[in-house]
Amino acid sequence: MTETTQRIQGARSPELHHAVGILRGLREHLIQDATSYRPLPPMSPDGPVTRRLPEGIRRYVVWLPHAAVCAAALLVLSVAFERGPFIVGFIPAAAILLTLVRPVAAFWGSLFAATLCAVIAGPWDGRPWTPVTLVSHVIVLTVVAARTQPRTAAWMWVVTGAYGFFSGAVLGGDDGSTTAALLFVSALVLLTVTVLHVRREAKEEVTAERTVTAHERSMRTLLEERTTIARELHDVVAHHMSVVAIQAEAAPYRVENPPPELEQAFVTIRENAVAALAELRRVLGVVRAEDYEAPDAPQPTLADLDGLLANVRDAGLIVDKAVTGAARELPQGVELSAYRIVQEALSNVLRHAPGAAARVEIAYVLGGLGLRVVNGPPRGLVKPSPGAGHGITGMRERVAMLNGELTAGPTDDGGYEVTAFVPVTKDEAAA
């Protein structure tokens, strides 16, 4: 008996679960949310229509949904006032106004108003629906569906049909035609509202996904720029550490009969240099792609700036260079970063200010190196190319890694200016 009972229960379980799921959905959408306080927010002032209106009018247009609901309630109240007692129109109008703060409760209130008004209004062939409650209930269904989920709209339609047929049989005077007509009209209205609701949600999801995609693209570009910087710094530091290790190994052979202390000191220097080089390659090697190959040519420095200027002149850019102070050799990391900053700034001029003239200023000062790249406004018929600002971000990253400062912004004449200062101590310059 036990096994037979279990088989019967198991056979009924899918239907039972389905019924439980249906009741759970009804409870979740129409019972649990019945007392939820959700005031209707004003319209967005940045909508496709409202943003084109003057500021004074836009301040009041955002309350247009509230005004529409209040106007519908007044319309129902005025129609009911001409047809019978005041309470016959007051209760449906109150249900309409309740949609502004408690939408699900307004649905139940509209059903209650339909029953009460049907009893008060007296015999009518369309009971439980009177002409006033018929119109008011459609308005309530429309507003509540616009403010809730599509499943809530579906449940309201089902409950309305069940209530109409059941109340018509109990109160009498309705052969179901009035409820059927109400269900047909409300189905069209709810379907339209649901489609618009789903379309709005889909648009919001697409906008959110585009925002996330743009943010991810920005982060990926920034990561690629940081990776490039890390690779270049890796090459610079690895080169110097290799030179230190080789010179430390060869130094004892350049001195005749070096003391043991000196030999041990050079051995220690070489061991530390080799260990630091191995650790550097282990840590920074992860930023290298599998197909990345170290450049055969040395990294560019400020001495190669004339070649860069010649290239941009060939591309049509009018550019001048001015050097102030006594030119001297700077640390390779500073030289490389300065070259890349000038290169990126001139590239931005070509992209964003076609036809403009540019000027590159390099200042060798006592405390470091100053850079300034300035251009005029764009000229000619070529339109500037839009940019995301990643080039400026990359320049800031380079300068920040060297404890420097960088400012970038438009000039008074419509051009653009990039100014950077990289500190260089005497010890770094001597190295």
Protein backbone atom coordinates (compact mmCIF):
# COMPACT_ATOMS: atom_id res chain seq x y z
CA MET A 1 0.00 0.00 0.00
CA THR A 2 2.80 2.35 0.81
CA GLU A 3 4.53 1.92 -2.55
CA THR A 4 1.22 2.31 -4.39
CA THR A 5 0.45 5.50 -2.49
CA GLN A 6 3.91 6.90 -3.30
CA ARG A 7 3.45 6.12 -7.01
CA ILE A 8 0.05 7.86 -7.02
CA GLN A 9 1.52 10.91 -5.27
CA GLY A 10 4.45 10.90 -7.65
CA ALA A 11 2.08 10.79 -10.63
CA ARG A 12 0.11 13.74 -9.28
CA SER A 13 3.12 15.79 -8.26
CA PRO A 14 3.64 17.63 -11.58
CA GLU A 15 0.07 18.92 -11.63
CA LEU A 16 0.24 19.67 -7.93
CA HIS A 17 3.48 21.62 -8.38
CA HIS A 18 1.97 23.48 -11.31
CA ALA A 19 -1.09 24.44 -9.28
CA VAL A 20 1.08 25.51 -6.36
CA GLY A 21 3.17 27.60 -8.73
CA ILE A 22 0.07 29.32 -10.07
CA LEU A 23 -1.19 30.12 -6.58
CA ARG A 24 2.25 31.32 -5.59
CA GLY A 25 2.30 33.72 -8.54
CA LEU A 26 -1.13 35.02 -7.63
CA ARG A 27 -0.07 35.57 -4.03
CA GLU A 28 3.19 37.23 -5.02
CA HIS A 29 1.79 39.68 -7.56
CA LEU A 30 -1.68 40.53 -6.25
CA ILE A 31 -1.74 39.73 -2.53
CA GLN A 32 1.70 40.39 -1.08
CA ASP A 33 2.05 43.66 -3.02
CA ALA A 34 -1.48 44.81 -2.19
CA THR A 35 -0.31 47.12 0.59
CA SER A 36 2.97 48.20 -0.99
CA TYR A 37 3.46 51.95 -0.94
CA ARG A 38 4.88 52.97 -4.31
CA PRO A 39 4.19 56.60 -5.19
CA LEU A 40 4.26 57.41 -8.88
CA PRO A 41 7.51 59.29 -9.64
CA PRO A 42 7.54 62.30 -11.98
CA MET A 43 8.61 61.95 -15.59
CA SER A 44 12.25 62.28 -16.50
CA PRO A 45 13.13 65.83 -17.56
CA ASP A 46 15.66 64.38 -20.04
CA GLY A 47 13.10 62.56 -22.18
CA PRO A 48 13.08 62.89 -25.97
CA VAL A 49 10.23 65.43 -25.79
CA THR A 50 10.64 67.10 -22.39
CA ARG A 51 14.28 68.04 -22.93
CA ARG A 52 13.29 70.21 -25.92
CA LEU A 53 10.86 72.27 -23.84
CA PRO A 54 11.78 75.50 -22.03
CA GLU A 55 12.94 75.18 -18.45
CA GLY A 56 9.83 76.83 -17.04
CA ILE A 57 7.45 74.47 -18.86
CA ARG A 58 9.60 71.40 -18.22
CA ARG A 59 9.19 71.92 -14.50
CA TYR A 60 5.46 71.23 -14.76
CA VAL A 61 5.42 68.74 -17.64
CA VAL A 62 7.15 66.12 -15.49
CA TRP A 63 3.90 65.85 -13.48
CA LEU A 64 1.83 65.08 -16.58
CA PRO A 65 1.13 61.39 -15.59
CA HIS A 66 -0.26 62.52 -12.24
CA ALA A 67 -2.44 65.13 -13.95
CA ALA A 68 -3.74 62.51 -16.41
CA VAL A 69 -4.76 60.15 -13.59
CA CYS A 70 -6.49 62.97 -11.70
CA ALA A 71 -8.28 64.06 -14.87
CA ALA A 72 -9.54 60.50 -15.41
CA ALA A 73 -10.83 60.40 -11.83
CA LEU A 74 -12.65 63.71 -12.30
CA LEU A 75 -14.15 62.48 -15.56
CA VAL A 76 -15.53 59.36 -13.87
CA LEU A 77 -16.84 61.45 -11.00
CA SER A 78 -18.63 63.89 -13.31
CA VAL A 79 -20.22 61.12 -15.39
CA ALA A 80 -21.44 59.32 -12.26
CA PHE A 81 -22.85 62.55 -10.84
CA GLU A 82 -25.16 62.87 -13.83
CA ARG A 83 -26.35 59.24 -13.59
CA GLY A 84 -27.04 58.65 -9.90
CA PRO A 85 -25.87 59.11 -6.32
CA PHE A 86 -22.58 60.83 -5.63
CA ILE A 87 -21.09 57.75 -3.97
CA VAL A 88 -21.50 55.77 -7.21
CA GLY A 89 -18.84 57.95 -8.80
CA PHE A 90 -16.81 58.77 -5.70
CA ILE A 91 -15.69 55.20 -4.94
CA PRO A 92 -14.47 54.38 -8.51
CA ALA A 93 -12.76 57.79 -8.69
CA ALA A 94 -11.02 57.07 -5.36
CA ALA A 95 -9.80 53.73 -6.78
CA ILE A 96 -8.32 55.57 -9.76
CA LEU A 97 -6.53 58.07 -7.50
CA LEU A 98 -5.23 55.21 -5.35
CA THR A 99 -3.15 53.99 -8.33
CA LEU A 100 -0.82 56.96 -7.69
CA VAL A 101 0.41 55.51 -4.38
CA ARG A 102 -0.73 51.86 -4.03
CA PRO A 103 -1.34 50.40 -7.49
CA VAL A 104 -2.18 46.79 -6.53
CA ALA A 105 -4.49 47.93 -3.73
CA ALA A 106 -6.22 50.16 -6.30
CA PHE A 107 -7.07 47.06 -8.38
CA TRP A 108 -8.78 45.37 -5.44
CA GLY A 109 -10.47 48.64 -4.58
CA SER A 110 -11.83 48.87 -8.12
CA LEU A 111 -13.39 45.40 -7.81
CA PHE A 112 -14.90 46.37 -4.47
CA ALA A 113 -16.23 49.59 -6.00
CA ALA A 114 -17.82 47.61 -8.83
CA THR A 115 -19.72 45.38 -6.39
CA LEU A 116 -20.77 48.22 -4.10
CA CYS A 117 -21.87 50.47 -6.94
CA ALA A 118 -23.83 47.60 -8.54
CA VAL A 119 -25.79 47.11 -5.32
CA ILE A 120 -26.38 50.84 -4.78
CA ALA A 121 -27.28 51.63 -8.38
CA GLY A 122 -30.05 49.04 -8.42
CA PRO A 123 -31.04 46.52 -11.09
CA TRP A 124 -29.16 46.66 -14.38
CA ASP A 125 -28.66 44.04 -17.05
CA GLY A 126 -24.88 44.36 -16.96
CA ARG A 127 -24.28 43.75 -13.27
CA PRO A 128 -21.83 43.63 -11.53
CA TRP A 129 -20.53 46.26 -13.96
CA THR A 130 -22.17 49.64 -14.28
CA PRO A 131 -21.14 52.05 -17.05
CA VAL A 132 -19.10 54.05 -14.52
CA THR A 133 -17.30 51.09 -12.94
CA LEU A 134 -16.72 49.58 -16.37
CA VAL A 135 -14.79 52.63 -17.52
CA SER A 136 -13.05 53.18 -14.19
CA HIS A 137 -11.88 49.55 -13.99
CA VAL A 138 -10.32 49.75 -17.45
CA ILE A 139 -8.51 52.91 -16.37
CA VAL A 140 -7.29 51.22 -13.18
CA LEU A 141 -6.08 48.18 -15.13
CA THR A 142 -4.18 50.43 -17.55
CA VAL A 143 -2.44 52.49 -14.86
CA VAL A 144 -1.58 49.49 -12.67
CA ALA A 145 -0.25 47.51 -15.65
CA ALA A 146 1.98 50.45 -16.61
CA ARG A 147 3.33 50.62 -13.06
CA THR A 148 3.88 46.90 -12.40
CA GLN A 149 5.19 43.81 -14.15
CA PRO A 150 3.59 42.06 -17.14
CA ARG A 151 2.72 39.06 -14.94
CA THR A 152 0.75 41.33 -12.64
CA ALA A 153 -1.24 42.58 -15.64
CA ALA A 154 -1.99 38.99 -16.66
CA TRP A 155 -3.17 38.09 -13.16
CA MET A 156 -5.39 41.18 -12.99
CA TRP A 157 -7.03 40.18 -16.26
CA VAL A 158 -7.67 36.63 -15.02
CA VAL A 159 -9.03 37.78 -11.67
CA THR A 160 -11.24 40.35 -13.38
CA GLY A 161 -12.77 37.68 -15.60
CA ALA A 162 -13.34 35.29 -12.71
CA TYR A 163 -14.86 38.05 -10.59
CA GLY A 164 -17.13 39.25 -13.41
CA PHE A 165 -18.59 35.83 -14.25
CA PHE A 166 -18.95 34.82 -10.60
CA SER A 167 -20.51 38.12 -9.47
CA GLY A 168 -22.81 38.18 -12.47
CA ALA A 169 -24.15 34.76 -11.54
CA VAL A 170 -24.60 35.76 -7.89
CA LEU A 171 -26.09 39.24 -8.42
CA GLY A 172 -28.02 38.25 -11.51
CA GLY A 173 -28.84 40.36 -14.53
CA ASP A 174 -25.67 39.54 -16.54
CA ASP A 175 -25.48 36.83 -19.16
CA GLY A 176 -21.68 37.28 -19.38
CA SER A 177 -21.69 39.58 -22.40
CA THR A 178 -20.67 42.66 -20.40
CA THR A 179 -17.81 40.82 -18.71
CA ALA A 180 -16.72 39.34 -22.05
CA ALA A 181 -16.67 42.79 -23.63
CA LEU A 182 -14.70 44.12 -20.68
CA LEU A 183 -12.20 41.27 -20.99
CA PHE A 184 -11.76 41.91 -24.72
CA VAL A 185 -11.18 45.65 -24.33
CA SER A 186 -8.93 45.22 -21.30
CA ALA A 187 -6.93 42.50 -23.09
CA LEU A 188 -6.14 44.90 -25.94
CA VAL A 189 -5.21 47.65 -23.51
CA LEU A 190 -3.09 45.41 -21.29
CA LEU A 191 -1.35 43.88 -24.30
CA THR A 192 -0.43 47.35 -25.59
CA VAL A 193 0.82 48.47 -22.18
CA THR A 194 2.78 45.24 -21.72
CA VAL A 195 4.46 45.59 -25.11
CA LEU A 196 5.46 49.17 -24.31
CA HIS A 197 6.66 48.07 -20.86
CA VAL A 198 8.79 45.24 -22.29
CA ARG A 199 10.16 47.57 -24.96
CA ARG A 200 11.16 50.13 -22.32
CA GLU A 201 12.86 47.47 -20.20
CA ALA A 202 14.70 46.13 -23.24
CA LYS A 203 15.87 49.63 -24.11
CA GLU A 204 17.10 50.17 -20.56
CA GLU A 205 18.94 46.85 -20.62
CA VAL A 206 20.58 47.72 -23.94
CA THR A 207 21.63 51.11 -22.56
CA ALA A 208 23.05 49.48 -19.45
CA GLU A 209 24.91 46.89 -21.53
CA ARG A 210 26.33 49.62 -23.74
CA THR A 211 27.49 51.52 -20.68
CA VAL A 212 29.15 48.40 -19.28
CA THR A 213 30.71 47.64 -22.67
CA ALA A 214 32.09 51.17 -22.97
CA HIS A 215 33.49 50.95 -19.43
CA GLU A 216 35.07 47.57 -20.15
CA ARG A 217 36.54 48.91 -23.40
CA SER A 218 37.98 51.88 -21.52
CA MET A 219 39.46 49.61 -18.85
CA ARG A 220 40.88 47.29 -21.50
CA THR A 221 42.49 50.21 -23.32
CA LEU A 222 43.93 51.47 -20.05
CA LEU A 223 45.22 47.99 -19.23
CA GLU A 224 46.83 47.69 -22.64
CA GLU A 225 48.51 51.06 -22.16
CA ARG A 226 49.77 50.02 -18.75
CA THR A 227 50.98 46.75 -20.23
CA THR A 228 52.91 48.63 -22.89
CA ILE A 229 54.46 50.88 -20.25
CA ALA A 230 55.36 47.88 -18.12
CA ARG A 231 56.98 46.17 -21.09
CA GLU A 232 59.04 49.22 -21.94
CA LEU A 233 60.12 49.75 -18.34
CA HIS A 234 60.92 46.06 -18.11
CA ASP A 235 63.22 46.37 -21.11
CA VAL A 236 64.87 49.49 -19.70
CA VAL A 237 65.44 48.10 -16.21
CA ALA A 238 66.47 44.67 -17.50
CA HIS A 239 69.07 46.29 -19.73
CA HIS A 240 70.61 48.27 -16.88
CA MET A 241 70.59 45.31 -14.50
CA SER A 242 72.31 43.16 -17.13
CA VAL A 243 74.98 45.84 -17.57
CA VAL A 244 75.50 45.97 -13.80
CA ALA A 245 75.88 42.20 -13.60
CA ILE A 246 78.37 42.07 -16.49
CA GLN A 247 80.45 44.98 -15.20
CA ALA A 248 80.49 43.53 -11.67
CA GLU A 249 81.78 40.22 -13.08
CA ALA A 250 84.44 41.86 -15.25
CA ALA A 251 85.61 44.51 -12.77
CA PRO A 252 88.01 42.30 -10.74
CA TYR A 253 89.93 41.36 -13.87
CA ARG A 254 90.65 44.99 -14.62
CA VAL A 255 92.57 45.45 -11.38
CA GLU A 256 95.90 43.76 -10.84
CA ASN A 257 95.95 41.69 -7.66
CA PRO A 258 92.62 42.95 -6.27
CA PRO A 259 92.13 42.41 -2.54
CA PRO A 260 89.79 39.58 -1.53
CA GLU A 261 87.34 42.05 0.00
CA LEU A 262 86.98 43.84 -3.35
CA GLU A 263 86.48 40.54 -5.20
CA GLN A 264 83.81 39.47 -2.71
CA ALA A 265 82.09 42.85 -3.03
CA PHE A 266 81.88 42.49 -6.81
CA VAL A 267 80.63 38.92 -6.45
CA THR A 268 77.91 40.14 -4.11
CA ILE A 269 76.96 42.93 -6.51
CA ARG A 270 76.72 40.49 -9.40
CA GLU A 271 74.67 37.98 -7.41
CA ASN A 272 72.24 40.68 -6.30
CA ALA A 273 71.95 42.05 -9.83
CA VAL A 274 71.27 38.60 -11.28
CA ALA A 275 68.72 37.84 -8.55
CA ALA A 276 66.99 41.19 -9.07
CA LEU A 277 66.94 40.62 -12.83
CA ALA A 278 65.41 37.16 -12.41
CA GLU A 279 62.78 38.49 -10.01
CA LEU A 280 62.01 41.38 -12.34
CA ARG A 281 61.52 39.06 -15.29
CA ARG A 282 59.37 36.73 -13.19
CA VAL A 283 57.06 39.50 -11.97
CA LEU A 284 56.82 41.67 -15.06
CA GLY A 285 57.03 38.80 -17.53
CA VAL A 286 53.35 38.07 -16.99
CA VAL A 287 52.40 41.23 -18.88
CA ARG A 288 53.98 39.92 -22.05
CA ALA A 289 51.74 38.22 -24.55
CA GLU A 290 52.80 34.86 -25.89
CA ASP A 291 53.55 36.32 -29.30
CA TYR A 292 55.31 39.40 -27.93
CA GLU A 293 58.90 39.84 -29.01
CA ALA A 294 61.29 42.37 -27.60
CA PRO A 295 62.22 45.02 -30.14
CA ASP A 296 65.59 44.58 -31.80
CA ALA A 297 66.18 48.34 -32.01
CA PRO A 298 66.85 50.40 -28.86
CA GLN A 299 63.97 52.28 -27.29
CA PRO A 300 63.54 55.85 -28.61
CA THR A 301 64.81 58.84 -26.66
CA LEU A 302 64.62 62.60 -27.01
CA ALA A 303 67.57 62.38 -29.39
CA ASP A 304 65.21 60.69 -31.86
CA LEU A 305 62.64 63.47 -31.62
CA ASP A 306 63.75 65.08 -34.87
CA GLY A 307 62.84 61.91 -36.75
CA LEU A 308 59.40 61.90 -35.13
CA LEU A 309 58.84 65.53 -36.10
CA ALA A 310 59.89 64.75 -39.66
CA ASN A 311 57.33 61.96 -39.83
CA VAL A 312 54.45 64.14 -38.63
CA ARG A 313 55.53 66.90 -41.01
CA ASP A 314 55.27 64.40 -43.84
CA ALA A 315 51.73 63.69 -42.63
CA GLY A 316 50.88 67.38 -43.11
CA LEU A 317 51.34 68.75 -39.60
CA ILE A 318 53.13 72.07 -39.20
CA VAL A 319 55.23 71.68 -36.07
CA ASP A 320 58.14 73.58 -34.52
CA LYS A 321 60.52 72.54 -31.77
CA ALA A 322 62.14 74.71 -29.13
CA VAL A 323 64.72 73.54 -26.58
CA THR A 324 65.65 75.61 -23.56
CA GLY A 325 68.36 74.86 -21.05
CA ALA A 326 71.47 72.76 -21.42
CA ALA A 327 70.53 69.48 -23.09
CA ARG A 328 71.87 66.51 -21.17
CA GLU A 329 71.39 62.77 -21.08
CA LEU A 330 68.59 61.73 -18.75
CA PRO A 331 67.65 58.32 -17.38
CA GLN A 332 66.39 56.03 -20.11
CA GLY A 333 62.95 55.71 -18.51
CA VAL A 334 62.54 59.49 -18.50
CA GLU A 335 63.79 59.78 -22.08
CA LEU A 336 61.41 57.08 -23.28
CA SER A 337 58.39 58.50 -21.46
CA ALA A 338 59.12 62.02 -22.73
CA TYR A 339 59.37 60.73 -26.29
CA ARG A 340 56.08 58.81 -25.96
CA ILE A 341 54.28 61.82 -24.48
CA VAL A 342 55.34 64.04 -27.37
CA GLN A 343 54.44 61.28 -29.83
CA GLU A 344 50.94 60.83 -28.37
CA ALA A 345 50.33 64.58 -28.14
CA LEU A 346 51.25 65.08 -31.82
CA SER A 347 49.08 62.11 -32.79
CA ASN A 348 46.17 63.77 -30.99
CA VAL A 349 46.80 66.96 -32.96
CA LEU A 350 46.62 65.01 -36.23
CA ARG A 351 43.40 63.27 -35.19
CA HIS A 352 41.50 65.97 -33.32
CA ALA A 353 42.82 69.23 -34.83
CA PRO A 354 43.51 68.67 -38.54
CA GLY A 355 45.20 71.61 -40.21
CA ALA A 356 46.36 73.14 -36.92
CA ALA A 357 49.94 74.17 -36.24
CA ALA A 358 51.76 72.68 -33.26
CA ARG A 359 54.78 73.56 -31.16
CA VAL A 360 56.92 71.25 -29.02
CA GLU A 361 58.87 72.84 -26.18
CA ILE A 362 61.47 70.94 -24.15
CA ALA A 363 62.98 72.55 -21.07
CA TYR A 364 66.01 71.08 -19.30
CA VAL A 365 65.81 72.56 -15.83
CA LEU A 366 67.74 71.92 -12.67
CA GLY A 367 65.14 69.66 -11.07
CA GLY A 368 64.03 67.66 -14.09
CA LEU A 369 62.53 67.87 -17.56
CA GLY A 370 59.63 70.03 -18.71
CA LEU A 371 57.52 69.30 -21.78
CA ARG A 372 54.88 71.40 -23.51
CA VAL A 373 52.99 70.51 -26.67
CA VAL A 374 50.46 73.11 -27.80
CA ASN A 375 48.42 73.42 -30.97
CA GLY A 376 45.98 75.92 -32.42
CA PRO A 377 42.37 75.38 -33.44
CA PRO A 378 41.57 73.00 -36.32
CA ARG A 379 41.57 74.52 -39.79
CA GLY A 380 40.41 73.33 -43.16
CA LEU A 381 37.61 71.07 -44.34
CA VAL A 382 38.74 67.87 -42.65
CA LYS A 383 36.55 67.02 -39.68
CA PRO A 384 38.22 66.11 -36.39
CA SER A 385 38.07 62.46 -35.38
CA PRO A 386 36.25 61.73 -32.10
CA GLY A 387 38.29 60.29 -29.27
CA ALA A 388 37.68 58.57 -25.93
CA GLY A 389 40.49 60.29 -24.03
CA HIS A 390 42.62 57.16 -23.64
CA GLY A 391 45.70 58.92 -25.00
CA ILE A 392 45.60 61.52 -22.23
CA THR A 393 45.07 58.73 -19.71
CA GLY A 394 48.15 56.92 -21.00
CA MET A 395 50.25 60.08 -20.73
CA ARG A 396 49.07 60.61 -17.16
CA GLU A 397 50.01 57.03 -16.33
CA ARG A 398 53.51 57.50 -17.72
CA VAL A 399 54.11 60.71 -15.83
CA ALA A 400 52.63 59.31 -12.62
CA MET A 401 55.00 56.32 -12.73
CA LEU A 402 57.88 58.80 -12.75
CA ASN A 403 56.41 60.91 -9.90
CA GLY A 404 55.74 63.76 -12.29
CA GLU A 405 52.77 65.98 -13.08
CA LEU A 406 50.76 66.43 -16.26
CA THR A 407 48.02 68.88 -17.19
CA ALA A 408 45.98 68.86 -20.37
CA GLY A 409 43.16 71.11 -21.51
CA PRO A 410 41.90 73.52 -24.15
CA THR A 411 43.47 76.93 -24.69
CA ASP A 412 41.76 80.29 -25.01
CA ASP A 413 42.13 80.36 -28.80
CA GLY A 414 40.37 76.99 -29.28
CA GLY A 415 43.49 74.84 -29.36
CA TYR A 416 44.83 72.31 -26.89
CA GLU A 417 47.82 72.19 -24.58
CA VAL A 418 49.65 69.33 -22.86
CA THR A 419 52.19 70.23 -20.19
CA ALA A 420 54.27 67.75 -18.22
CA PHE A 421 57.12 67.90 -15.73
CA VAL A 422 59.19 64.89 -14.78
CA PRO A 423 61.55 65.32 -11.80
CA VAL A 424 65.11 64.10 -12.21
CA THR A 425 67.57 64.17 -9.32
CA LYS A 426 71.29 64.72 -9.72
CA ASP A 427 72.03 61.10 -8.91
CA GLU A 428 69.58 59.86 -11.56
CA ALA A 429 71.01 62.21 -14.15
CA ALA A 430 74.54 61.11 -13.35
CA ALA A 431 73.55 57.45 -13.66
